[in-house]
Each structure stands twice: as structure tokens, then as C-alpha cells.
Amino acid sequence: MVPVKEFLAEVRDGKQASLLVLACSGNKRPDSEIEHLFSDFSSFEDQTLVFDIESLRLMDNFRKCAKAEHKTAPKPSKMYPAYLRYCGFFYNSVWEQGGFEVWKKVVNENWKVLILSAFYGFLRVTDPINNYSLRMFELSAKCKRILPEILRSIAETNGIERVYFLTSKEYSKPFRRKLDSLYRVVLLDSSNEEIIGSYGREYYSEAGKLFASLVTGKDFHGKTHFVELEEI
């Protein structure tokens, strides 16, 4: 257990060898909302993480599996960057802390960040996606088994030494005891009580603030006082 400021400083110092894994969200913005709210959004592309041939092969296998096992998951829609499509508690919290500027810093300052999606597997924050409905607990076990292989390949290709999951336990389950140096970031309040909330709402709201503070270098203002790294 470490004070939140100490955790932020540690991850910033180890930025080049650290990977942050974010959860996707059950809530997605429909095309009409994206077009209304972000009609003039800046186009930028995250190229910080390299997906080599093996990573792409595994990713393709996962997506084929998800499409075959969950035929009703994708919704007719245009493709928009993941950071615009997702609008759950984590993403709303990031928008409240700076929105576009936070995501631009992720890209422009070479933060290694991936979004873990039940339908797409791993996504860079600017990767375009359709609207879909599929949560991690619904994902076929057959497809889940591919996820640790993808993460291993990406980590080896990009020189990743530590992986931090800013997610609920559900999103870390497929990786349990599959790779070394994987940690789920547990958030604790001033009484050392874990911050969770109904359906993980408080956790994701706090995690969004923590992520924004980490990326922007601004002071963290939230309920979290300590961080515990739960080995996956």
C-alpha cells in the first residue's frame, strides 16, 4: 500500500517500461451523439505501441472468435475512435478532467495505454470501433483464452516490464497467473477501505481522475488516498 502521490510518481518515472490497461465501458455513445458533441474533434493517431505480426495474428484470431461466438454484439454504426465511443464512468471522469487534452497527451507524450474490450480485444485509444454490446463476463471462455497471448506478445514487442490494470477484477480474471509483473490497481480511501461502489462506479470514477492526473502531471483531487497493487 502506497500513498497515491507516491504511486503516481513511480509510474511516471517508469513510464517507458510501463503499460496501462483500461477497461472498455458498457455505455457507448451512439453515432448521433458523437456527431453532435464532437463534430469538430481533432484527428490524431496513437502509434506509441507497436503491434508486430504475431500480435496482429493473435488479435485477428480473437476478433474472429468474438464475432463467431457473439453474433448479435455489433450494432450498425460508423467507426469512431475508442476514446470517443466509450462513455462509462471512467471515460466521463477523464472528460471532466480535461477531455481532448488528456487523450492528446496520451498520444503526444508516448504513454503506453491499451483499452481491453470484450469484443475487440486490445485497442489503442484512437483505434476506430463500431458500437457494440458485449461485456467481459459474457465473453466466451474460448475467446478469453486468447487474451493473455495477445498481451504477452505486445509486452515483449514493446519492452514492457510492468502492466497496471485500472480495471475491476472481472477484467483481470482472464490473465490470472498467466504472465509476470501484472498488477490490478486497487484504490483505497483515507480509512484504507477499498473504493468500489455499485457496479464498480466509484472505482471507475476515481480511476478516471487518477489516470488523468497521471498523464497530465496535475495534482490528483479525489477520494483515493492509497493505492494497493494486487498481483494478478
C-alpha atoms as a PDB file:
ATOM      1  CA  MET A   1       0.000   0.000   0.000  1.00  0.00           C
ATOM      2  CA  VAL A   2       1.459   3.355  -1.047  1.00  0.00           C
ATOM      3  CA  PRO A   3       0.189   6.963  -0.924  1.00  0.00           C
ATOM      4  CA  VAL A   4      -1.417   7.983  -4.205  1.00  0.00           C
ATOM      5  CA  LYS A   5       1.230  10.682  -4.863  1.00  0.00           C
ATOM      6  CA  GLU A   6       3.986   8.106  -4.481  1.00  0.00           C
ATOM      7  CA  PHE A   7       2.235   5.748  -6.888  1.00  0.00           C
ATOM      8  CA  LEU A   8       1.820   8.482  -9.498  1.00  0.00           C
ATOM      9  CA  ALA A   9       5.488   9.451  -9.223  1.00  0.00           C
ATOM     10  CA  GLU A  10       6.597   5.818  -9.506  1.00  0.00           C
ATOM     11  CA  VAL A  11       4.587   5.167 -12.667  1.00  0.00           C
ATOM     12  CA  ARG A  12       5.701   8.453 -14.251  1.00  0.00           C
ATOM     13  CA  ASP A  13       9.333   7.559 -13.569  1.00  0.00           C
ATOM     14  CA  GLY A  14       8.870   4.083 -15.101  1.00  0.00           C
ATOM     15  CA  LYS A  15       6.751   5.335 -17.968  1.00  0.00           C
ATOM     16  CA  GLN A  16       8.820   3.857 -20.818  1.00  0.00           C
ATOM     17  CA  ALA A  17       8.568   0.303 -19.490  1.00  0.00           C
ATOM     18  CA  SER A  18       5.018   0.508 -18.103  1.00  0.00           C
ATOM     19  CA  LEU A  19       1.719  -0.349 -19.760  1.00  0.00           C
ATOM     20  CA  LEU A  20      -1.629   0.941 -18.508  1.00  0.00           C
ATOM     21  CA  VAL A  21      -4.642  -1.242 -19.291  1.00  0.00           C
ATOM     22  CA  LEU A  22      -8.045   0.444 -19.173  1.00  0.00           C
ATOM     23  CA  ALA A  23     -11.414  -1.296 -19.294  1.00  0.00           C
ATOM     24  CA  CYS A  24     -13.859  -0.539 -22.067  1.00  0.00           C
ATOM     25  CA  SER A  25     -17.301   0.543 -20.873  1.00  0.00           C
ATOM     26  CA  GLY A  26     -20.770  -0.914 -21.112  1.00  0.00           C
ATOM     27  CA  ASN A  27     -22.073   2.500 -22.130  1.00  0.00           C
ATOM     28  CA  LYS A  28     -21.258   3.583 -25.692  1.00  0.00           C
ATOM     29  CA  ARG A  29     -22.066   6.850 -27.399  1.00  0.00           C
ATOM     30  CA  PRO A  30     -24.332   6.353 -30.409  1.00  0.00           C
ATOM     31  CA  ASP A  31     -23.184   7.904 -33.690  1.00  0.00           C
ATOM     32  CA  SER A  32     -25.667  10.763 -33.417  1.00  0.00           C
ATOM     33  CA  GLU A  33     -24.296  11.828 -30.027  1.00  0.00           C
ATOM     34  CA  ILE A  34     -20.690  11.671 -31.190  1.00  0.00           C
ATOM     35  CA  GLU A  35     -21.518  13.724 -34.273  1.00  0.00           C
ATOM     36  CA  HIS A  36     -23.387  16.278 -32.175  1.00  0.00           C
ATOM     37  CA  LEU A  37     -20.844  16.644 -29.380  1.00  0.00           C
ATOM     38  CA  PHE A  38     -17.618  16.187 -31.314  1.00  0.00           C
ATOM     39  CA  SER A  39     -18.377  17.375 -34.839  1.00  0.00           C
ATOM     40  CA  ASP A  40     -15.049  19.225 -34.956  1.00  0.00           C
ATOM     41  CA  PHE A  41     -12.919  16.784 -32.964  1.00  0.00           C
ATOM     42  CA  SER A  42      -9.226  16.765 -33.753  1.00  0.00           C
ATOM     43  CA  SER A  43      -7.952  13.729 -35.605  1.00  0.00           C
ATOM     44  CA  PHE A  44      -4.825  12.189 -34.111  1.00  0.00           C
ATOM     45  CA  GLU A  45      -3.468   8.666 -34.114  1.00  0.00           C
ATOM     46  CA  ASP A  46      -1.784   6.671 -31.368  1.00  0.00           C
ATOM     47  CA  GLN A  47       1.323   4.918 -32.713  1.00  0.00           C
ATOM     48  CA  THR A  48       3.152   4.540 -29.392  1.00  0.00           C
ATOM     49  CA  LEU A  49       2.657   0.780 -29.108  1.00  0.00           C
ATOM     50  CA  VAL A  50       3.814  -1.497 -31.905  1.00  0.00           C
ATOM     51  CA  PHE A  51       1.675  -4.470 -32.916  1.00  0.00           C
ATOM     52  CA  ASP A  52       4.018  -6.897 -34.662  1.00  0.00           C
ATOM     53  CA  ILE A  53       2.932  -9.709 -36.992  1.00  0.00           C
ATOM     54  CA  GLU A  54       2.356 -12.142 -34.119  1.00  0.00           C
ATOM     55  CA  SER A  55       0.336  -9.610 -32.112  1.00  0.00           C
ATOM     56  CA  LEU A  56      -1.811  -8.837 -35.144  1.00  0.00           C
ATOM     57  CA  ARG A  57      -2.324 -12.548 -35.850  1.00  0.00           C
ATOM     58  CA  LEU A  58      -3.487 -13.194 -32.299  1.00  0.00           C
ATOM     59  CA  MET A  59      -5.691 -10.108 -32.346  1.00  0.00           C
ATOM     60  CA  ASP A  60      -7.284 -11.274 -35.576  1.00  0.00           C
ATOM     61  CA  ASN A  61      -7.919 -14.702 -34.021  1.00  0.00           C
ATOM     62  CA  PHE A  62      -9.583 -13.079 -31.030  1.00  0.00           C
ATOM     63  CA  ARG A  63     -11.842 -10.854 -33.120  1.00  0.00           C
ATOM     64  CA  LYS A  64     -12.876 -13.749 -35.348  1.00  0.00           C
ATOM     65  CA  CYS A  65     -13.725 -15.723 -32.215  1.00  0.00           C
ATOM     66  CA  ALA A  66     -15.743 -12.854 -30.703  1.00  0.00           C
ATOM     67  CA  LYS A  67     -17.696 -12.327 -33.926  1.00  0.00           C
ATOM     68  CA  ALA A  68     -18.432 -16.061 -34.275  1.00  0.00           C
ATOM     69  CA  GLU A  69     -19.403 -16.580 -30.634  1.00  0.00           C
ATOM     70  CA  HIS A  70     -21.332 -13.323 -30.173  1.00  0.00           C
ATOM     71  CA  LYS A  71     -23.084 -12.639 -33.456  1.00  0.00           C
ATOM     72  CA  THR A  72     -25.536 -10.102 -32.014  1.00  0.00           C
ATOM     73  CA  ALA A  73     -22.888  -7.970 -30.273  1.00  0.00           C
ATOM     74  CA  PRO A  74     -22.032  -5.479 -33.080  1.00  0.00           C
ATOM     75  CA  LYS A  75     -24.530  -2.712 -33.850  1.00  0.00           C
ATOM     76  CA  PRO A  76     -24.975  -0.954 -37.225  1.00  0.00           C
ATOM     77  CA  SER A  77     -22.856   2.158 -36.845  1.00  0.00           C
ATOM     78  CA  LYS A  78     -19.960   4.190 -38.149  1.00  0.00           C
ATOM     79  CA  MET A  79     -16.459   3.716 -36.776  1.00  0.00           C
ATOM     80  CA  TYR A  80     -15.200   6.273 -34.279  1.00  0.00           C
ATOM     81  CA  PRO A  81     -12.082   6.407 -32.054  1.00  0.00           C
ATOM     82  CA  ALA A  82     -12.450   4.303 -28.923  1.00  0.00           C
ATOM     83  CA  TYR A  83     -11.892   7.277 -26.610  1.00  0.00           C
ATOM     84  CA  LEU A  84     -14.971   8.945 -28.153  1.00  0.00           C
ATOM     85  CA  ARG A  85     -17.152   5.833 -28.343  1.00  0.00           C
ATOM     86  CA  TYR A  86     -16.834   4.821 -24.682  1.00  0.00           C
ATOM     87  CA  CYS A  87     -18.780   6.904 -22.184  1.00  0.00           C
ATOM     88  CA  GLY A  88     -18.866   4.926 -18.938  1.00  0.00           C
ATOM     89  CA  PHE A  89     -17.855   6.286 -15.532  1.00  0.00           C
ATOM     90  CA  PHE A  90     -14.109   6.085 -16.205  1.00  0.00           C
ATOM     91  CA  TYR A  91     -14.315   7.919 -19.533  1.00  0.00           C
ATOM     92  CA  ASN A  92     -16.743  10.546 -18.260  1.00  0.00           C
ATOM     93  CA  SER A  93     -14.361  11.191 -15.379  1.00  0.00           C
ATOM     94  CA  VAL A  94     -11.458  11.668 -17.810  1.00  0.00           C
ATOM     95  CA  TRP A  95     -13.556  14.139 -19.838  1.00  0.00           C
ATOM     96  CA  GLU A  96     -14.273  16.099 -16.667  1.00  0.00           C
ATOM     97  CA  GLN A  97     -10.523  16.326 -16.014  1.00  0.00           C
ATOM     98  CA  GLY A  98      -9.654  17.770 -19.424  1.00  0.00           C
ATOM     99  CA  GLY A  99     -11.187  15.698 -22.191  1.00  0.00           C
ATOM    100  CA  PHE A 100      -9.361  16.007 -25.509  1.00  0.00           C
ATOM    101  CA  GLU A 101      -6.251  17.424 -23.855  1.00  0.00           C
ATOM    102  CA  VAL A 102      -5.846  14.302 -21.701  1.00  0.00           C
ATOM    103  CA  TRP A 103      -6.153  11.956 -24.680  1.00  0.00           C
ATOM    104  CA  LYS A 104      -3.825  14.115 -26.770  1.00  0.00           C
ATOM    105  CA  LYS A 105      -1.197  13.902 -24.040  1.00  0.00           C
ATOM    106  CA  VAL A 106      -1.558  10.119 -24.011  1.00  0.00           C
ATOM    107  CA  VAL A 107      -0.622  10.118 -27.707  1.00  0.00           C
ATOM    108  CA  ASN A 108       1.795  13.044 -27.943  1.00  0.00           C
ATOM    109  CA  GLU A 109       3.755  12.144 -24.818  1.00  0.00           C
ATOM    110  CA  ASN A 110       4.000   8.456 -25.705  1.00  0.00           C
ATOM    111  CA  TRP A 111       2.109   6.902 -22.831  1.00  0.00           C
ATOM    112  CA  LYS A 112       1.710   3.168 -23.363  1.00  0.00           C
ATOM    113  CA  VAL A 113      -2.037   2.656 -22.939  1.00  0.00           C
ATOM    114  CA  LEU A 114      -4.387  -0.070 -24.117  1.00  0.00           C
ATOM    115  CA  ILE A 115      -8.125  -0.481 -23.719  1.00  0.00           C
ATOM    116  CA  LEU A 116      -9.313  -4.025 -23.025  1.00  0.00           C
ATOM    117  CA  SER A 117     -12.541  -4.657 -24.947  1.00  0.00           C
ATOM    118  CA  ALA A 118     -14.713  -7.754 -24.678  1.00  0.00           C
ATOM    119  CA  PHE A 119     -15.423  -7.561 -28.410  1.00  0.00           C
ATOM    120  CA  TYR A 120     -12.231  -6.145 -29.921  1.00  0.00           C
ATOM    121  CA  GLY A 121      -9.577  -7.468 -27.557  1.00  0.00           C
ATOM    122  CA  PHE A 122      -6.932  -4.787 -27.096  1.00  0.00           C
ATOM    123  CA  LEU A 123      -7.305  -1.304 -28.567  1.00  0.00           C
ATOM    124  CA  ARG A 124      -5.106   1.751 -28.723  1.00  0.00           C
ATOM    125  CA  VAL A 125      -7.106   4.764 -27.544  1.00  0.00           C
ATOM    126  CA  THR A 126      -7.582   6.175 -31.057  1.00  0.00           C
ATOM    127  CA  ASP A 127      -8.410   2.864 -32.771  1.00  0.00           C
ATOM    128  CA  PRO A 128     -11.769   3.177 -34.586  1.00  0.00           C
ATOM    129  CA  ILE A 129     -14.594   0.938 -33.386  1.00  0.00           C
ATOM    130  CA  ASN A 130     -18.269   0.353 -34.040  1.00  0.00           C
ATOM    131  CA  ASN A 131     -20.944   0.448 -31.398  1.00  0.00           C
ATOM    132  CA  TYR A 132     -21.415  -2.978 -29.782  1.00  0.00           C
ATOM    133  CA  SER A 133     -22.879  -4.659 -26.740  1.00  0.00           C
ATOM    134  CA  LEU A 134     -20.698  -7.257 -25.018  1.00  0.00           C
ATOM    135  CA  ARG A 135     -19.271  -7.299 -21.503  1.00  0.00           C
ATOM    136  CA  MET A 136     -16.307  -9.243 -20.227  1.00  0.00           C
ATOM    137  CA  PHE A 137     -18.374 -11.596 -18.059  1.00  0.00           C
ATOM    138  CA  GLU A 138     -20.402 -12.509 -21.169  1.00  0.00           C
ATOM    139  CA  LEU A 139     -17.360 -13.261 -23.326  1.00  0.00           C
ATOM    140  CA  SER A 140     -16.898 -16.878 -24.367  1.00  0.00           C
ATOM    141  CA  ALA A 141     -14.181 -18.747 -22.433  1.00  0.00           C
ATOM    142  CA  LYS A 142     -12.828 -19.877 -25.800  1.00  0.00           C
ATOM    143  CA  CYS A 143     -12.133 -16.247 -26.733  1.00  0.00           C
ATOM    144  CA  LYS A 144     -10.878 -15.256 -23.288  1.00  0.00           C
ATOM    145  CA  ARG A 145      -8.046 -17.783 -23.554  1.00  0.00           C
ATOM    146  CA  ILE A 146      -6.513 -15.771 -26.403  1.00  0.00           C
ATOM    147  CA  LEU A 147      -6.257 -12.515 -24.426  1.00  0.00           C
ATOM    148  CA  PRO A 148      -3.152 -13.390 -22.326  1.00  0.00           C
ATOM    149  CA  GLU A 149      -1.345 -14.482 -25.504  1.00  0.00           C
ATOM    150  CA  ILE A 150      -2.059 -11.103 -27.106  1.00  0.00           C
ATOM    151  CA  LEU A 151      -0.862  -9.204 -24.048  1.00  0.00           C
ATOM    152  CA  ARG A 152       2.302 -11.285 -23.792  1.00  0.00           C
ATOM    153  CA  SER A 153       3.147 -10.603 -27.445  1.00  0.00           C
ATOM    154  CA  ILE A 154       2.518  -6.858 -27.155  1.00  0.00           C
ATOM    155  CA  ALA A 155       4.529  -6.617 -23.920  1.00  0.00           C
ATOM    156  CA  GLU A 156       7.527  -8.469 -25.375  1.00  0.00           C
ATOM    157  CA  THR A 157       7.493  -6.423 -28.592  1.00  0.00           C
ATOM    158  CA  ASN A 158       7.331  -3.109 -26.748  1.00  0.00           C
ATOM    159  CA  GLY A 159       9.733  -3.777 -23.883  1.00  0.00           C
ATOM    160  CA  ILE A 160       7.026  -3.682 -21.218  1.00  0.00           C
ATOM    161  CA  GLU A 161       8.212  -4.650 -17.733  1.00  0.00           C
ATOM    162  CA  ARG A 162       5.132  -3.828 -15.650  1.00  0.00           C
ATOM    163  CA  VAL A 163       1.437  -3.809 -16.527  1.00  0.00           C
ATOM    164  CA  TYR A 164      -1.087  -1.872 -14.466  1.00  0.00           C
ATOM    165  CA  PHE A 165      -4.790  -2.747 -14.816  1.00  0.00           C
ATOM    166  CA  LEU A 166      -7.013   0.234 -13.976  1.00  0.00           C
ATOM    167  CA  THR A 167      -9.996  -2.093 -14.075  1.00  0.00           C
ATOM    168  CA  SER A 168     -12.378  -4.136 -11.988  1.00  0.00           C
ATOM    169  CA  LYS A 169     -11.444  -7.716 -11.066  1.00  0.00           C
ATOM    170  CA  GLU A 170     -13.634  -9.032 -13.879  1.00  0.00           C
ATOM    171  CA  TYR A 171     -11.289  -7.589 -16.499  1.00  0.00           C
ATOM    172  CA  SER A 172      -8.175  -9.003 -14.873  1.00  0.00           C
ATOM    173  CA  LYS A 173      -9.534 -12.560 -14.432  1.00  0.00           C
ATOM    174  CA  PRO A 174      -8.507 -13.872 -17.902  1.00  0.00           C
ATOM    175  CA  PHE A 175      -4.868 -13.013 -17.094  1.00  0.00           C
ATOM    176  CA  ARG A 176      -4.643 -14.554 -13.641  1.00  0.00           C
ATOM    177  CA  ARG A 177      -1.362 -16.447 -13.218  1.00  0.00           C
ATOM    178  CA  LYS A 178      -0.719 -16.244 -16.967  1.00  0.00           C
ATOM    179  CA  LEU A 179       2.003 -13.546 -17.059  1.00  0.00           C
ATOM    180  CA  ASP A 180       4.521 -11.987 -14.686  1.00  0.00           C
ATOM    181  CA  SER A 181       4.519  -8.394 -13.393  1.00  0.00           C
ATOM    182  CA  LEU A 182       0.793  -7.778 -13.877  1.00  0.00           C
ATOM    183  CA  TYR A 183      -0.983  -5.714 -11.232  1.00  0.00           C
ATOM    184  CA  ARG A 184      -4.519  -4.508 -10.671  1.00  0.00           C
ATOM    185  CA  VAL A 185      -4.595  -1.020  -9.159  1.00  0.00           C
ATOM    186  CA  VAL A 186      -6.765  -1.154  -6.031  1.00  0.00           C
ATOM    187  CA  LEU A 187      -7.932   2.233  -4.761  1.00  0.00           C
ATOM    188  CA  LEU A 188      -8.283   2.910  -1.030  1.00  0.00           C
ATOM    189  CA  ASP A 189      -9.851   5.811   0.836  1.00  0.00           C
ATOM    190  CA  SER A 190      -8.472   7.586   3.906  1.00  0.00           C
ATOM    191  CA  SER A 191      -9.701   4.727   6.125  1.00  0.00           C
ATOM    192  CA  ASN A 192      -7.919   2.125   3.969  1.00  0.00           C
ATOM    193  CA  GLU A 193     -11.275   0.877   2.714  1.00  0.00           C
ATOM    194  CA  GLU A 194     -11.392  -0.263  -0.906  1.00  0.00           C
ATOM    195  CA  ILE A 195     -13.290   2.069  -3.209  1.00  0.00           C
ATOM    196  CA  ILE A 196     -15.725   0.062  -5.323  1.00  0.00           C
ATOM    197  CA  GLY A 197     -19.338   1.272  -5.374  1.00  0.00           C
ATOM    198  CA  SER A 198     -22.326  -0.321  -7.072  1.00  0.00           C
ATOM    199  CA  TYR A 199     -21.192  -1.992 -10.320  1.00  0.00           C
ATOM    200  CA  GLY A 200     -17.735  -0.508  -9.696  1.00  0.00           C
ATOM    201  CA  ARG A 201     -18.995   3.019 -10.364  1.00  0.00           C
ATOM    202  CA  GLU A 202     -16.941   4.736  -7.655  1.00  0.00           C
ATOM    203  CA  TYR A 203     -13.846   2.778  -8.636  1.00  0.00           C
ATOM    204  CA  TYR A 204     -14.081   3.785 -12.280  1.00  0.00           C
ATOM    205  CA  SER A 205     -14.829   7.431 -11.469  1.00  0.00           C
ATOM    206  CA  GLU A 206     -11.783   7.577  -9.207  1.00  0.00           C
ATOM    207  CA  ALA A 207      -9.643   5.625 -11.672  1.00  0.00           C
ATOM    208  CA  GLY A 208     -10.514   8.150 -14.394  1.00  0.00           C
ATOM    209  CA  LYS A 209      -9.303  11.001 -12.193  1.00  0.00           C
ATOM    210  CA  LEU A 210      -6.161   9.062 -11.310  1.00  0.00           C
ATOM    211  CA  PHE A 211      -5.427   8.335 -14.973  1.00  0.00           C
ATOM    212  CA  ALA A 212      -5.921  11.970 -15.987  1.00  0.00           C
ATOM    213  CA  SER A 213      -3.660  13.164 -13.170  1.00  0.00           C
ATOM    214  CA  LEU A 214      -1.009  10.627 -14.132  1.00  0.00           C
ATOM    215  CA  VAL A 215      -0.974  11.661 -17.784  1.00  0.00           C
ATOM    216  CA  THR A 216      -1.246  15.440 -17.317  1.00  0.00           C
ATOM    217  CA  GLY A 217       1.036  15.735 -14.290  1.00  0.00           C
ATOM    218  CA  LYS A 218      -1.607  17.752 -12.456  1.00  0.00           C
ATOM    219  CA  ASP A 219      -2.404  17.245  -8.775  1.00  0.00           C
ATOM    220  CA  PHE A 220      -4.854  14.464  -8.019  1.00  0.00           C
ATOM    221  CA  HIS A 221      -8.120  15.521  -6.395  1.00  0.00           C
ATOM    222  CA  GLY A 222     -10.273  12.572  -5.415  1.00  0.00           C
ATOM    223  CA  LYS A 223     -11.252  10.212  -2.622  1.00  0.00           C
ATOM    224  CA  THR A 224      -8.288   7.921  -3.170  1.00  0.00           C
ATOM    225  CA  HIS A 225      -5.555   8.257  -0.549  1.00  0.00           C
ATOM    226  CA  PHE A 226      -3.673   4.997  -1.057  1.00  0.00           C
ATOM    227  CA  VAL A 227      -3.035   2.534  -3.830  1.00  0.00           C
ATOM    228  CA  GLU A 228      -2.516  -1.187  -3.398  1.00  0.00           C
ATOM    229  CA  LEU A 229      -1.074  -3.245  -6.238  1.00  0.00           C
ATOM    230  CA  GLU A 230      -2.889  -6.566  -6.396  1.00  0.00           C
ATOM    231  CA  GLU A 231      -0.760  -9.110  -8.216  1.00  0.00           C
ATOM    232  CA  ILE A 232      -2.760 -10.802 -10.951  1.00  0.00           C
END
